[in-house]
Every structure is written in C-alpha cells, then in structure tokens.
Protein backbone atom coordinates (compact mmCIF):
# COMPACT_ATOMS: atom_id res chain seq x y z
CA MET A 1 8.05 -6.53 -3.34
CA ILE A 2 4.43 -6.37 -2.13
CA LYS A 3 3.84 -9.87 -3.43
CA ASP A 4 6.92 -11.12 -1.58
CA VAL A 5 5.69 -9.56 1.65
CA ILE A 6 2.29 -11.21 1.32
CA ARG A 7 3.77 -14.56 0.29
CA LEU A 8 6.19 -14.65 3.19
CA ASN A 9 3.49 -13.67 5.68
CA TRP A 10 0.57 -15.75 4.48
CA HIS A 11 2.25 -18.71 2.82
CA ALA A 12 5.55 -19.06 4.69
CA ARG A 13 4.03 -17.81 7.99
CA MET A 14 6.97 -15.52 8.71
CA SER A 15 6.66 -12.73 11.25
CA HIS A 16 6.74 -9.08 10.22
CA GLU A 17 10.21 -8.78 11.72
CA GLN A 18 11.50 -11.81 9.80
CA ILE A 19 10.04 -10.47 6.55
CA ALA A 20 11.48 -7.01 7.12
CA THR A 21 14.92 -8.50 7.70
CA ALA A 22 14.71 -10.83 4.70
CA LEU A 23 13.55 -8.11 2.29
CA LYS A 24 15.56 -5.29 3.86
CA ILE A 25 12.52 -3.10 4.45
CA SER A 26 10.94 -1.68 7.59
CA LYS A 27 8.49 -3.59 9.76
CA GLY A 28 6.11 -0.70 9.16
CA ALA A 29 6.16 -1.36 5.41
CA VAL A 30 5.48 -5.04 6.03
CA ALA A 31 2.56 -4.19 8.32
CA LYS A 32 1.20 -1.72 5.75
CA TYR A 33 1.15 -4.21 2.87
CA VAL A 34 -0.19 -7.10 4.94
CA GLY A 35 -2.85 -4.79 6.37
CA LEU A 36 -3.89 -3.47 2.95
CA ALA A 37 -4.13 -6.99 1.54
CA SER A 38 -6.15 -8.21 4.51
CA ALA A 39 -8.48 -5.19 4.37
CA ALA A 40 -9.02 -5.86 0.65
CA GLY A 41 -10.09 -9.40 1.51
CA LEU A 42 -7.31 -10.98 -0.53
CA GLU A 43 -5.96 -14.47 0.06
CA TRP A 44 -2.69 -16.00 -1.10
CA GLU A 45 -4.39 -18.55 -3.38
CA ALA A 46 -6.16 -15.72 -5.19
CA VAL A 47 -3.10 -13.52 -5.71
CA LYS A 48 -0.24 -15.99 -6.09
CA ASP A 49 -0.39 -15.80 -9.90
CA TRP A 50 -0.88 -12.03 -10.04
CA THR A 51 1.87 -9.76 -11.28
CA GLU A 52 3.32 -7.15 -8.99
CA ARG A 53 1.50 -4.55 -11.10
CA GLN A 54 -1.89 -6.24 -10.58
CA LEU A 55 -1.32 -6.46 -6.85
CA THR A 56 -0.19 -2.85 -6.63
CA ALA A 57 -3.28 -1.73 -8.56
CA ALA A 58 -5.54 -3.66 -6.19
CA LEU A 59 -3.93 -2.33 -3.02
CA LEU A 60 -2.64 1.10 -4.03
CA PRO A 61 -4.94 2.47 -6.75
CA ARG A 62 -3.19 5.86 -6.79
CA ALA A 63 0.14 4.23 -7.56
CA SER A 64 -1.36 2.39 -10.52
CA GLY A 65 -2.81 5.56 -12.01
CA ALA A 66 -6.43 4.60 -11.37
CA GLN A 67 -7.00 7.78 -9.36
CA PRO A 68 -4.96 10.66 -10.74
CA PHE A 69 -3.43 13.14 -8.34
CA VAL A 70 -5.32 16.42 -8.21
CA GLU A 71 -3.26 19.49 -7.48
CA PRO A 72 -4.79 21.38 -4.54
CA ASP A 73 -6.17 24.82 -5.24
CA GLY A 74 -4.32 27.24 -2.97
CA ARG A 75 -6.95 29.96 -3.43
CA ALA A 76 -9.26 28.42 -0.81
CA CYS A 77 -6.46 28.50 1.77
CA THR A 78 -5.53 32.08 0.88
CA ALA A 79 -9.17 33.24 1.09
CA SER A 80 -9.57 31.57 4.49
CA LEU A 81 -6.44 33.22 5.86
CA THR A 82 -7.46 36.63 4.48
CA ALA A 83 -10.91 36.36 6.08
CA ARG A 84 -9.37 35.64 9.49
CA ALA A 85 -7.02 38.65 9.38
C-alpha cells in the first residue's frame, strides 16, 4: 500500500484526499507515507521497481525487523516513583 500511495502522489499527481479515497485509508496515513518517502530523499524513478517489503524497510525500519523492539525496564520508573514518595 505504501508504494501505491507514493505512486499516486508522485507519478499520478493525485492529492492526499484523492489518494485516501482511492485506497480507502486516512489522509493522515497518506501524509505520513509521502512525508517519510520525501524525508528519505526517495524519488519515484528510484523506487518504482522496489517491492513493498523493500519500501517498507527503507521507510519503517522497525516494521522490517531492522531495529528490534526493546521491552522497557519498569524498574527505573518504580525507583523514580519510590524516591519521590
């Protein structure tokens, strides 16, 4: 879906609202993906042959598994609350 958003925005020159309606997603999601791709310096010609997985890895490294989720350590929060009491 990310690739479709970028294609419709950059190649077809559709507005965020038009893309959101066509793909049945929110305008916020469209803005997010277009913004991420722009911030990453990507261009349609460079990504048009990429798979959805490649594009997701480039824009959302956590989703691709490149940066594993680290479970927060609740002890620091508990110690801070105890010290304040």
